[in-house]
Amino acid sequence: MIRKSFVPVLVLTVALAGIAGCKSKKPPVTAPSAAPPVTKPAEPAEPVTPPKTVTESFPTAKVDKEPLTEPSVDELNNTLKPLRTVYFEYDSSDLDDTSRGILQANAEWLKRNAKRTIRIEGNCDERGTIKYNLALGERRANSVREYLEGLGIAASRLRIVSYGEEKPAVEGHDDSAWRQNRRGEFWFES
């Protein structure tokens, strides 16, 4: 039988042996490895030449400013309206300086767009008889056509029509309305 005084000594011995057995082990010390040797890049077989600079100039092509797709007749007549209207004095089919300037600009546009044909509409204000205004509207349209022909626009591209007082641009019975209704107006047909 084991003595009672011996038990605490035995427990203490076993505990110390357990503590001594749990000590962590240090990893073995190894000598640091040497860094890999630095190698120099291989020398090129031929000497490297710097890139060449281009000193030669090349002609540049003219870039058209016109759109790639041509506008439709509806777009020209309702949205773009590239041709400006000309206006006339009361009871006259004579072109003034302002109207001639507008027609010169219109002729330039027509020259650049040689496929287009137009209708020139002669219009009047409400004063005068229907018969008189139809004749005056025709004279106005003819004045515009003749001026454009003189600027080099082919007669085959220009058609005239007179509406007299039947298509007013502005409704009204005063000088302001009448001034805007005495006009030569342009409409695209193709």
N, C-alpha and C. Protein backbone atom coordinates (compact mmCIF):
# COMPACT_ATOMS: atom_id res chain seq x y z
N MET A 1 0.82 -1.14 0.00
CA MET A 1 0.00 0.00 0.00
C MET A 1 0.88 1.23 0.00
N ILE A 2 0.37 2.26 -0.58
CA ILE A 2 1.15 3.47 -0.76
C ILE A 2 0.86 4.36 0.44
N ARG A 3 1.84 4.94 0.92
CA ARG A 3 1.68 5.80 2.05
C ARG A 3 1.03 7.10 1.61
N LYS A 4 0.36 7.68 2.55
CA LYS A 4 -0.36 8.88 2.26
C LYS A 4 0.59 10.05 2.07
N SER A 5 1.67 10.07 2.66
CA SER A 5 2.61 11.17 2.51
C SER A 5 3.34 11.08 1.18
N PHE A 6 3.31 9.91 0.65
CA PHE A 6 4.00 9.69 -0.60
C PHE A 6 3.17 10.19 -1.79
N VAL A 7 1.91 10.22 -1.70
CA VAL A 7 1.00 10.61 -2.80
C VAL A 7 1.27 12.05 -3.23
N PRO A 8 1.34 13.00 -2.37
CA PRO A 8 1.60 14.35 -2.88
C PRO A 8 2.94 14.46 -3.58
N VAL A 9 3.91 13.76 -3.13
CA VAL A 9 5.22 13.82 -3.76
C VAL A 9 5.12 13.20 -5.15
N LEU A 10 4.39 12.14 -5.26
CA LEU A 10 4.23 11.47 -6.55
C LEU A 10 3.48 12.37 -7.52
N VAL A 11 2.45 13.03 -7.07
CA VAL A 11 1.66 13.93 -7.93
C VAL A 11 2.54 15.08 -8.37
N LEU A 12 3.33 15.59 -7.48
CA LEU A 12 4.21 16.71 -7.83
C LEU A 12 5.24 16.27 -8.82
N THR A 13 5.76 15.16 -8.75
CA THR A 13 6.77 14.65 -9.66
C THR A 13 6.17 14.44 -11.04
N VAL A 14 5.00 13.86 -11.07
CA VAL A 14 4.33 13.62 -12.37
C VAL A 14 4.01 14.95 -13.02
N ALA A 15 3.56 15.94 -12.28
CA ALA A 15 3.23 17.25 -12.83
C ALA A 15 4.47 17.92 -13.39
N LEU A 16 5.59 17.84 -12.66
CA LEU A 16 6.82 18.45 -13.16
C LEU A 16 7.32 17.74 -14.40
N ALA A 17 7.14 16.46 -14.43
CA ALA A 17 7.57 15.71 -15.62
C ALA A 17 6.70 16.10 -16.81
N GLY A 18 5.41 16.35 -16.61
CA GLY A 18 4.50 16.77 -17.71
C GLY A 18 4.85 18.14 -18.22
N ILE A 19 5.21 19.03 -17.30
CA ILE A 19 5.56 20.39 -17.70
C ILE A 19 6.85 20.37 -18.48
N ALA A 20 7.79 19.56 -18.02
CA ALA A 20 9.08 19.48 -18.70
C ALA A 20 8.90 18.86 -20.08
N GLY A 21 7.97 17.97 -20.25
CA GLY A 21 7.74 17.32 -21.54
C GLY A 21 7.00 18.21 -22.52
N CYS A 22 6.32 19.27 -22.09
CA CYS A 22 5.54 20.16 -22.97
C CYS A 22 6.34 21.34 -23.48
N LYS A 23 7.54 21.44 -23.12
CA LYS A 23 8.34 22.56 -23.61
C LYS A 23 8.37 22.51 -25.13
N SER A 24 8.26 23.69 -25.74
CA SER A 24 8.29 23.72 -27.21
C SER A 24 9.72 23.60 -27.67
N LYS A 25 9.82 22.99 -28.83
CA LYS A 25 11.15 22.81 -29.37
C LYS A 25 11.45 23.95 -30.30
N LYS A 26 12.66 24.44 -30.26
CA LYS A 26 13.09 25.49 -31.16
C LYS A 26 13.45 24.86 -32.48
N PRO A 27 13.11 25.57 -33.59
CA PRO A 27 13.48 25.01 -34.89
C PRO A 27 14.99 25.03 -35.04
N PRO A 28 15.47 24.13 -35.82
CA PRO A 28 16.93 24.09 -35.98
C PRO A 28 17.41 25.32 -36.73
N VAL A 29 18.51 25.84 -36.36
CA VAL A 29 19.10 27.01 -36.98
C VAL A 29 19.87 26.56 -38.21
N THR A 30 19.53 27.25 -39.37
CA THR A 30 20.25 26.91 -40.59
C THR A 30 20.94 28.16 -41.09
N ALA A 31 21.96 27.97 -41.79
CA ALA A 31 22.71 29.11 -42.33
C ALA A 31 21.90 29.74 -43.44
N PRO A 32 21.87 31.07 -43.56
CA PRO A 32 21.11 31.71 -44.63
C PRO A 32 21.67 31.31 -45.99
N SER A 33 20.75 31.15 -46.94
CA SER A 33 21.20 30.74 -48.27
C SER A 33 21.72 31.96 -49.01
N ALA A 34 22.63 31.75 -49.87
CA ALA A 34 23.23 32.85 -50.63
C ALA A 34 22.26 33.29 -51.71
N ALA A 35 22.20 34.61 -52.01
CA ALA A 35 21.32 35.15 -53.06
C ALA A 35 21.78 34.64 -54.40
N PRO A 36 20.82 34.46 -55.34
CA PRO A 36 21.25 33.97 -56.65
C PRO A 36 22.15 35.02 -57.30
N PRO A 37 23.08 34.58 -58.07
CA PRO A 37 24.00 35.54 -58.69
C PRO A 37 23.26 36.42 -59.70
N VAL A 38 23.65 37.69 -59.79
CA VAL A 38 23.06 38.66 -60.73
C VAL A 38 23.68 38.42 -62.08
N THR A 39 22.78 38.25 -63.08
CA THR A 39 23.31 38.02 -64.42
C THR A 39 23.09 39.27 -65.25
N LYS A 40 24.00 39.60 -66.08
CA LYS A 40 23.91 40.76 -66.96
C LYS A 40 23.12 40.36 -68.19
N PRO A 41 22.29 41.33 -68.75
CA PRO A 41 21.58 41.00 -69.97
C PRO A 41 22.58 40.74 -71.09
N ALA A 42 22.15 39.92 -71.99
CA ALA A 42 23.03 39.57 -73.11
C ALA A 42 23.27 40.79 -73.99
N GLU A 43 24.43 40.95 -74.43
CA GLU A 43 24.78 42.04 -75.33
C GLU A 43 24.13 41.76 -76.68
N PRO A 44 23.49 42.81 -77.31
CA PRO A 44 22.89 42.57 -78.62
C PRO A 44 23.97 42.29 -79.65
N ALA A 45 23.60 41.46 -80.60
CA ALA A 45 24.55 41.09 -81.63
C ALA A 45 24.87 42.29 -82.52
N GLU A 46 23.83 43.15 -82.79
CA GLU A 46 24.05 44.33 -83.62
C GLU A 46 23.75 45.56 -82.78
N PRO A 47 24.34 46.70 -83.11
CA PRO A 47 24.03 47.90 -82.34
C PRO A 47 22.59 48.35 -82.60
N VAL A 48 21.95 48.89 -81.55
CA VAL A 48 20.56 49.36 -81.66
C VAL A 48 20.58 50.76 -82.27
N THR A 49 19.74 50.94 -83.33
CA THR A 49 19.67 52.25 -83.97
C THR A 49 18.42 52.96 -83.47
N PRO A 50 18.49 54.28 -83.30
CA PRO A 50 17.32 55.01 -82.81
C PRO A 50 16.24 55.03 -83.89
N PRO A 51 14.95 55.19 -83.49
CA PRO A 51 13.87 55.22 -84.49
C PRO A 51 14.04 56.41 -85.42
N LYS A 52 13.61 56.23 -86.68
CA LYS A 52 13.74 57.28 -87.68
C LYS A 52 12.58 58.25 -87.57
N THR A 53 12.86 59.50 -87.82
CA THR A 53 11.84 60.54 -87.84
C THR A 53 11.46 60.79 -89.29
N VAL A 54 10.14 60.83 -89.54
CA VAL A 54 9.67 61.07 -90.90
C VAL A 54 9.74 62.57 -91.17
N THR A 55 10.45 62.93 -92.19
CA THR A 55 10.57 64.34 -92.55
C THR A 55 9.84 64.66 -93.84
N GLU A 56 9.31 63.66 -94.46
CA GLU A 56 8.62 63.82 -95.73
C GLU A 56 7.17 64.26 -95.47
N SER A 57 6.65 65.19 -96.25
CA SER A 57 5.26 65.60 -96.07
C SER A 57 4.40 64.95 -97.14
N PHE A 58 3.19 64.62 -96.75
CA PHE A 58 2.26 63.97 -97.66
C PHE A 58 1.11 64.91 -97.95
N PRO A 59 0.60 64.92 -99.18
CA PRO A 59 -0.54 65.79 -99.48
C PRO A 59 -1.78 65.30 -98.74
N THR A 60 -2.58 66.24 -98.29
CA THR A 60 -3.81 65.88 -97.59
C THR A 60 -4.98 66.07 -98.54
N ALA A 61 -5.92 65.17 -98.47
CA ALA A 61 -7.11 65.25 -99.31
C ALA A 61 -8.10 66.23 -98.68
N LYS A 62 -8.82 66.92 -99.53
CA LYS A 62 -9.84 67.85 -99.04
C LYS A 62 -10.98 67.03 -98.45
N VAL A 63 -11.44 67.43 -97.28
CA VAL A 63 -12.52 66.74 -96.61
C VAL A 63 -13.80 67.51 -96.86
N ASP A 64 -14.80 66.81 -97.41
CA ASP A 64 -16.09 67.46 -97.65
C ASP A 64 -16.78 67.70 -96.33
N LYS A 65 -17.45 68.83 -96.24
CA LYS A 65 -18.18 69.16 -95.03
C LYS A 65 -19.65 68.78 -95.16
N GLU A 66 -20.01 68.21 -96.30
CA GLU A 66 -21.39 67.80 -96.51
C GLU A 66 -21.63 66.46 -95.79
N PRO A 67 -22.85 66.22 -95.36
CA PRO A 67 -23.13 64.94 -94.69
C PRO A 67 -22.99 63.77 -95.65
N LEU A 68 -22.73 62.58 -95.09
CA LEU A 68 -22.58 61.39 -95.91
C LEU A 68 -23.90 60.98 -96.54
N THR A 69 -24.99 61.19 -95.87
CA THR A 69 -26.29 60.90 -96.43
C THR A 69 -26.97 62.21 -96.79
N GLU A 70 -27.58 62.23 -97.94
CA GLU A 70 -28.22 63.47 -98.38
C GLU A 70 -29.59 63.59 -97.72
N PRO A 71 -29.96 64.80 -97.36
CA PRO A 71 -31.28 64.99 -96.74
C PRO A 71 -32.39 64.76 -97.77
N SER A 72 -33.52 64.35 -97.27
CA SER A 72 -34.68 64.12 -98.14
C SER A 72 -35.29 65.46 -98.53
N VAL A 73 -36.20 65.42 -99.51
CA VAL A 73 -36.90 66.62 -99.94
C VAL A 73 -37.70 67.19 -98.77
N ASP A 74 -38.34 66.33 -97.98
CA ASP A 74 -39.10 66.80 -96.82
C ASP A 74 -38.20 67.51 -95.81
N GLU A 75 -37.01 66.95 -95.55
CA GLU A 75 -36.09 67.59 -94.60
C GLU A 75 -35.66 68.96 -95.13
N LEU A 76 -35.38 69.04 -96.42
CA LEU A 76 -34.96 70.32 -97.00
C LEU A 76 -36.08 71.35 -96.91
N ASN A 77 -37.30 70.94 -97.19
CA ASN A 77 -38.43 71.88 -97.20
C ASN A 77 -38.93 72.25 -95.81
N ASN A 78 -38.84 71.34 -94.86
CA ASN A 78 -39.48 71.58 -93.57
C ASN A 78 -38.53 71.81 -92.41
N THR A 79 -37.32 71.29 -92.50
CA THR A 79 -36.40 71.39 -91.36
C THR A 79 -35.19 72.26 -91.69
N LEU A 80 -34.47 71.89 -92.71
CA LEU A 80 -33.20 72.55 -93.02
C LEU A 80 -33.38 73.92 -93.67
N LYS A 81 -34.27 74.00 -94.64
CA LYS A 81 -34.56 75.24 -95.37
C LYS A 81 -33.28 76.00 -95.75
N PRO A 82 -32.44 75.41 -96.61
CA PRO A 82 -31.17 76.06 -96.95
C PRO A 82 -31.29 77.28 -97.87
N LEU A 83 -32.42 77.43 -98.55
CA LEU A 83 -32.62 78.57 -99.45
C LEU A 83 -33.51 79.60 -98.77
N ARG A 84 -33.04 80.85 -98.79
CA ARG A 84 -33.78 81.92 -98.11
C ARG A 84 -34.79 82.59 -99.04
N THR A 85 -35.85 83.05 -98.49
CA THR A 85 -36.93 83.75 -99.19
C THR A 85 -36.49 85.17 -99.53
N VAL A 86 -36.96 85.67 -100.69
CA VAL A 86 -36.72 87.08 -101.05
C VAL A 86 -38.05 87.82 -100.98
N TYR A 87 -37.97 89.13 -100.68
CA TYR A 87 -39.18 89.93 -100.50
C TYR A 87 -39.20 91.07 -101.51
N PHE A 88 -40.41 91.54 -101.83
CA PHE A 88 -40.61 92.57 -102.84
C PHE A 88 -41.34 93.77 -102.25
N GLU A 89 -41.13 94.89 -102.88
CA GLU A 89 -41.87 96.11 -102.53
C GLU A 89 -43.30 95.99 -103.05
N TYR A 90 -44.15 96.85 -102.58
CA TYR A 90 -45.55 96.86 -102.99
C TYR A 90 -45.66 97.05 -104.50
N ASP A 91 -46.47 96.22 -105.15
CA ASP A 91 -46.77 96.30 -106.57
C ASP A 91 -45.52 96.27 -107.44
N SER A 92 -44.51 95.48 -107.04
CA SER A 92 -43.25 95.45 -107.77
C SER A 92 -42.74 94.01 -107.90
N SER A 93 -42.04 93.78 -109.02
CA SER A 93 -41.36 92.49 -109.20
C SER A 93 -39.85 92.71 -109.35
N ASP A 94 -39.39 93.92 -109.02
CA ASP A 94 -37.96 94.25 -109.11
C ASP A 94 -37.22 93.71 -107.88
N LEU A 95 -36.01 93.23 -108.12
CA LEU A 95 -35.16 92.74 -107.03
C LEU A 95 -34.32 93.89 -106.49
N ASP A 96 -34.32 94.07 -105.18
CA ASP A 96 -33.46 95.09 -104.58
C ASP A 96 -32.11 94.46 -104.22
N ASP A 97 -31.19 95.26 -103.68
CA ASP A 97 -29.85 94.76 -103.35
C ASP A 97 -29.88 93.61 -102.33
N THR A 98 -30.74 93.71 -101.36
CA THR A 98 -30.85 92.65 -100.35
C THR A 98 -31.29 91.34 -101.00
N SER A 99 -32.29 91.42 -101.86
CA SER A 99 -32.78 90.21 -102.54
C SER A 99 -31.71 89.61 -103.44
N ARG A 100 -30.96 90.44 -104.15
CA ARG A 100 -29.90 89.93 -105.01
C ARG A 100 -28.81 89.23 -104.18
N GLY A 101 -28.47 89.77 -103.05
CA GLY A 101 -27.49 89.13 -102.16
C GLY A 101 -27.98 87.76 -101.68
N ILE A 102 -29.26 87.67 -101.31
CA ILE A 102 -29.83 86.39 -100.88
C ILE A 102 -29.81 85.40 -102.03
N LEU A 103 -30.16 85.86 -103.25
CA LEU A 103 -30.18 84.96 -104.40
C LEU A 103 -28.77 84.49 -104.77
N GLN A 104 -27.77 85.32 -104.57
CA GLN A 104 -26.38 84.88 -104.84
C GLN A 104 -25.99 83.75 -103.89
N ALA A 105 -26.35 83.89 -102.63
CA ALA A 105 -26.06 82.82 -101.65
C ALA A 105 -26.86 81.56 -102.01
N ASN A 106 -28.11 81.72 -102.40
CA ASN A 106 -28.92 80.56 -102.80
C ASN A 106 -28.32 79.88 -104.02
N ALA A 107 -27.82 80.67 -104.99
CA ALA A 107 -27.21 80.10 -106.20
C ALA A 107 -25.96 79.30 -105.84
N GLU A 108 -25.17 79.76 -104.90
CA GLU A 108 -23.98 79.01 -104.47
C GLU A 108 -24.38 77.66 -103.89
N TRP A 109 -25.42 77.65 -103.07
CA TRP A 109 -25.89 76.39 -102.51
C TRP A 109 -26.37 75.47 -103.62
N LEU A 110 -27.11 76.00 -104.57
CA LEU A 110 -27.63 75.19 -105.68
C LEU A 110 -26.49 74.65 -106.55
N LYS A 111 -25.41 75.39 -106.70
CA LYS A 111 -24.26 74.90 -107.47
C LYS A 111 -23.60 73.72 -106.76
N ARG A 112 -23.53 73.77 -105.45
CA ARG A 112 -22.93 72.67 -104.68
C ARG A 112 -23.84 71.45 -104.62
N ASN A 113 -25.11 71.64 -104.90
CA ASN A 113 -26.10 70.57 -104.83
C ASN A 113 -26.82 70.47 -106.17
N ALA A 114 -26.06 70.11 -107.18
CA ALA A 114 -26.53 70.17 -108.57
C ALA A 114 -27.66 69.19 -108.88
N LYS A 115 -27.92 68.22 -108.04
CA LYS A 115 -29.01 67.27 -108.31
C LYS A 115 -30.37 67.83 -107.93
N ARG A 116 -30.40 68.89 -107.18
CA ARG A 116 -31.66 69.42 -106.65
C ARG A 116 -32.38 70.32 -107.66
N THR A 117 -33.69 70.14 -107.74
CA THR A 117 -34.53 71.04 -108.53
C THR A 117 -35.47 71.75 -107.57
N ILE A 118 -35.84 72.97 -107.94
CA ILE A 118 -36.67 73.76 -107.04
C ILE A 118 -37.87 74.36 -107.76
N ARG A 119 -38.85 74.70 -106.96
CA ARG A 119 -40.03 75.43 -107.42
C ARG A 119 -39.96 76.82 -106.79
N ILE A 120 -40.05 77.84 -107.61
CA ILE A 120 -40.05 79.22 -107.12
C ILE A 120 -41.50 79.68 -107.10
N GLU A 121 -41.98 80.03 -105.94
CA GLU A 121 -43.37 80.45 -105.79
C GLU A 121 -43.44 81.97 -105.65
N GLY A 122 -44.19 82.60 -106.55
CA GLY A 122 -44.43 84.05 -106.45
C GLY A 122 -45.69 84.31 -105.66
N ASN A 123 -45.60 85.17 -104.65
CA ASN A 123 -46.72 85.46 -103.76
C ASN A 123 -46.94 86.96 -103.62
N CYS A 124 -48.17 87.33 -103.27
CA CYS A 124 -48.54 88.73 -103.12
C CYS A 124 -49.30 88.93 -101.81
N ASP A 125 -49.48 90.19 -101.45
CA ASP A 125 -50.35 90.46 -100.31
C ASP A 125 -51.79 90.48 -100.82
N GLU A 126 -52.73 90.72 -99.93
CA GLU A 126 -54.15 90.59 -100.25
C GLU A 126 -54.73 91.75 -101.06
N ARG A 127 -53.98 92.81 -101.22
CA ARG A 127 -54.50 93.97 -101.94
C ARG A 127 -54.45 93.70 -103.45
N GLY A 128 -55.41 94.15 -104.17
CA GLY A 128 -55.50 93.93 -105.61
C GLY A 128 -56.46 92.80 -105.91
N THR A 129 -56.83 92.66 -107.18
CA THR A 129 -57.76 91.61 -107.57
C THR A 129 -57.02 90.27 -107.64
N ILE A 130 -57.77 89.20 -107.65
CA ILE A 130 -57.17 87.87 -107.73
C ILE A 130 -56.38 87.75 -109.03
N LYS A 131 -56.97 88.19 -110.14
CA LYS A 131 -56.31 88.09 -111.45
C LYS A 131 -55.02 88.90 -111.46
N TYR A 132 -55.07 90.13 -110.95
CA TYR A 132 -53.88 90.99 -110.92
C TYR A 132 -52.79 90.37 -110.06
N ASN A 133 -53.15 89.84 -108.90
CA ASN A 133 -52.15 89.26 -107.98
C ASN A 133 -51.53 87.99 -108.54
N LEU A 134 -52.30 87.19 -109.28
CA LEU A 134 -51.72 86.01 -109.93
C LEU A 134 -50.66 86.42 -110.95
N ALA A 135 -50.96 87.47 -111.73
CA ALA A 135 -50.00 87.95 -112.73
C ALA A 135 -48.76 88.54 -112.05
N LEU A 136 -48.95 89.30 -110.97
CA LEU A 136 -47.82 89.90 -110.24
C LEU A 136 -46.96 88.80 -109.59
N GLY A 137 -47.59 87.80 -109.02
CA GLY A 137 -46.85 86.67 -108.44
C GLY A 137 -46.01 85.96 -109.49
N GLU A 138 -46.54 85.82 -110.70
CA GLU A 138 -45.77 85.19 -111.79
C GLU A 138 -44.58 86.05 -112.19
N ARG A 139 -44.78 87.35 -112.27
CA ARG A 139 -43.65 88.25 -112.59
C ARG A 139 -42.56 88.16 -111.52
N ARG A 140 -42.94 88.07 -110.29
CA ARG A 140 -41.97 87.95 -109.19
C ARG A 140 -41.19 86.64 -109.31
N ALA A 141 -41.87 85.54 -109.53
CA ALA A 141 -41.20 84.24 -109.68
C ALA A 141 -40.27 84.27 -110.89
N ASN A 142 -40.71 84.89 -111.99
CA ASN A 142 -39.86 85.00 -113.18
C ASN A 142 -38.61 85.84 -112.91
N SER A 143 -38.75 86.92 -112.15
CA SER A 143 -37.58 87.75 -111.80
C SER A 143 -36.54 86.93 -111.04
N VAL A 144 -36.99 86.12 -110.10
CA VAL A 144 -36.09 85.28 -109.31
C VAL A 144 -35.43 84.24 -110.21
N ARG A 145 -36.23 83.57 -111.05
CA ARG A 145 -35.68 82.54 -111.94
C ARG A 145 -34.63 83.13 -112.88
N GLU A 146 -34.94 84.25 -113.51
CA GLU A 146 -34.01 84.87 -114.45
C GLU A 146 -32.70 85.27 -113.77
N TYR A 147 -32.79 85.76 -112.55
CA TYR A 147 -31.58 86.15 -111.83
C TYR A 147 -30.73 84.91 -111.53
N LEU A 148 -31.36 83.84 -111.08
CA LEU A 148 -30.62 82.60 -110.79
C LEU A 148 -29.99 82.02 -112.06
N GLU A 149 -30.71 82.08 -113.18
CA GLU A 149 -30.15 81.61 -114.44
C GLU A 149 -28.92 82.44 -114.81
N GLY A 150 -28.98 83.74 -114.58
CA GLY A 150 -27.83 84.62 -114.85
C GLY A 150 -26.63 84.27 -113.98
N LEU A 151 -26.87 83.65 -112.84
CA LEU A 151 -25.79 83.23 -111.93
C LEU A 151 -25.30 81.81 -112.23
N GLY A 152 -25.83 81.19 -113.29
CA GLY A 152 -25.33 79.89 -113.72
C GLY A 152 -26.17 78.69 -113.32
N ILE A 153 -27.36 78.90 -112.82
CA ILE A 153 -28.24 77.78 -112.47
C ILE A 153 -29.07 77.42 -113.71
N ALA A 154 -29.04 76.15 -114.08
CA ALA A 154 -29.74 75.70 -115.30
C ALA A 154 -31.24 75.91 -115.18
N ALA A 155 -31.86 76.39 -116.26
CA ALA A 155 -33.30 76.62 -116.29
C ALA A 155 -34.08 75.34 -116.04
N SER A 156 -33.51 74.20 -116.41
CA SER A 156 -34.19 72.91 -116.21
C SER A 156 -34.36 72.56 -114.73
N ARG A 157 -33.63 73.22 -113.87
CA ARG A 157 -33.72 72.97 -112.43
C ARG A 157 -34.68 73.92 -111.73
N LEU A 158 -35.23 74.87 -112.47
CA LEU A 158 -36.05 75.92 -111.88
C LEU A 158 -37.45 75.90 -112.49
N ARG A 159 -38.44 75.75 -111.65
CA ARG A 159 -39.84 75.80 -112.11
C ARG A 159 -40.52 76.91 -111.34
N ILE A 160 -41.42 77.62 -112.00
CA ILE A 160 -42.11 78.71 -111.31
C ILE A 160 -43.60 78.43 -111.22
N VAL A 161 -44.21 79.03 -110.21
CA VAL A 161 -45.65 78.98 -110.02
C VAL A 161 -46.05 80.26 -109.28
N SER A 162 -47.24 80.78 -109.60
CA SER A 162 -47.76 81.95 -108.89
C SER A 162 -48.96 81.54 -108.07
N TYR A 163 -48.96 81.96 -106.81
CA TYR A 163 -50.11 81.72 -105.95
C TYR A 163 -50.85 83.03 -105.66
N GLY A 164 -50.37 84.14 -106.21
CA GLY A 164 -51.03 85.41 -105.94
C GLY A 164 -51.13 85.64 -104.45
N GLU A 165 -52.35 85.87 -104.00
CA GLU A 165 -52.59 86.12 -102.57
C GLU A 165 -53.09 84.88 -101.83
N GLU A 166 -53.12 83.73 -102.49
CA GLU A 166 -53.75 82.52 -101.95
C GLU A 166 -52.96 81.82 -100.84
N LYS A 167 -51.66 82.05 -100.73
CA LYS A 167 -50.85 81.37 -99.71
C LYS A 167 -50.09 82.41 -98.86
N PRO A 168 -50.79 83.15 -98.03
CA PRO A 168 -50.08 84.14 -97.22
C PRO A 168 -49.15 83.47 -96.20
N ALA A 169 -47.99 84.06 -96.01
CA ALA A 169 -47.05 83.57 -94.98
C ALA A 169 -47.54 83.99 -93.61
N VAL A 170 -48.21 85.13 -93.54
CA VAL A 170 -48.70 85.70 -92.28
C VAL A 170 -50.13 86.18 -92.50
N GLU A 171 -51.01 85.80 -91.61
CA GLU A 171 -52.38 86.31 -91.66
C GLU A 171 -52.39 87.71 -91.06
N GLY A 172 -53.10 88.61 -91.68
CA GLY A 172 -53.19 89.96 -91.15
C GLY A 172 -53.56 90.95 -92.25
N HIS A 173 -53.98 92.11 -91.83
CA HIS A 173 -54.44 93.13 -92.78
C HIS A 173 -53.74 94.46 -92.51
N ASP A 174 -52.42 94.38 -92.30
CA ASP A 174 -51.65 95.60 -92.06
C ASP A 174 -50.31 95.51 -92.78
N ASP A 175 -49.54 96.62 -92.72
CA ASP A 175 -48.26 96.67 -93.44
C ASP A 175 -47.30 95.56 -93.03
N SER A 176 -47.27 95.21 -91.77
CA SER A 176 -46.36 94.17 -91.29
C SER A 176 -46.67 92.83 -91.95
N ALA A 177 -47.93 92.45 -92.01
CA ALA A 177 -48.32 91.19 -92.64
C ALA A 177 -48.10 91.27 -94.15
N TRP A 178 -48.50 92.37 -94.78
CA TRP A 178 -48.38 92.51 -96.23
C TRP A 178 -46.93 92.41 -96.68
N ARG A 179 -46.01 93.01 -95.91
CA ARG A 179 -44.58 93.00 -96.25
C ARG A 179 -44.04 91.56 -96.31
N GLN A 180 -44.49 90.70 -95.39
CA GLN A 180 -44.01 89.31 -95.35
C GLN A 180 -44.69 88.42 -96.40
N ASN A 181 -45.82 88.87 -96.93
CA ASN A 181 -46.54 88.08 -97.93
C ASN A 181 -46.08 88.37 -99.36
N ARG A 182 -45.42 89.48 -99.60
CA ARG A 182 -44.91 89.82 -100.93
C ARG A 182 -43.54 89.18 -101.08
N ARG A 183 -43.51 87.97 -101.62
CA ARG A 183 -42.26 87.20 -101.54
C ARG A 183 -42.09 86.23 -102.71
N GLY A 184 -40.85 85.81 -102.89
CA GLY A 184 -40.49 84.70 -103.76
C GLY A 184 -39.93 83.62 -102.86
N GLU A 185 -40.59 82.48 -102.83
CA GLU A 185 -40.25 81.44 -101.87
C GLU A 185 -39.78 80.20 -102.63
N PHE A 186 -38.92 79.40 -102.00
CA PHE A 186 -38.30 78.23 -102.65
C PHE A 186 -38.77 76.94 -101.99
N TRP A 187 -39.10 75.96 -102.85
CA TRP A 187 -39.49 74.64 -102.39
C TRP A 187 -38.77 73.60 -103.24
N PHE A 188 -38.23 72.60 -102.60
CA PHE A 188 -37.51 71.54 -103.31
C PHE A 188 -38.50 70.54 -103.90
N GLU A 189 -38.20 70.15 -105.13
CA GLU A 189 -39.00 69.11 -105.78
C GLU A 189 -38.24 67.81 -105.88
N SER A 190 -36.92 67.89 -105.92
CA SER A 190 -36.08 66.69 -105.90
C SER A 190 -34.74 67.02 -105.30
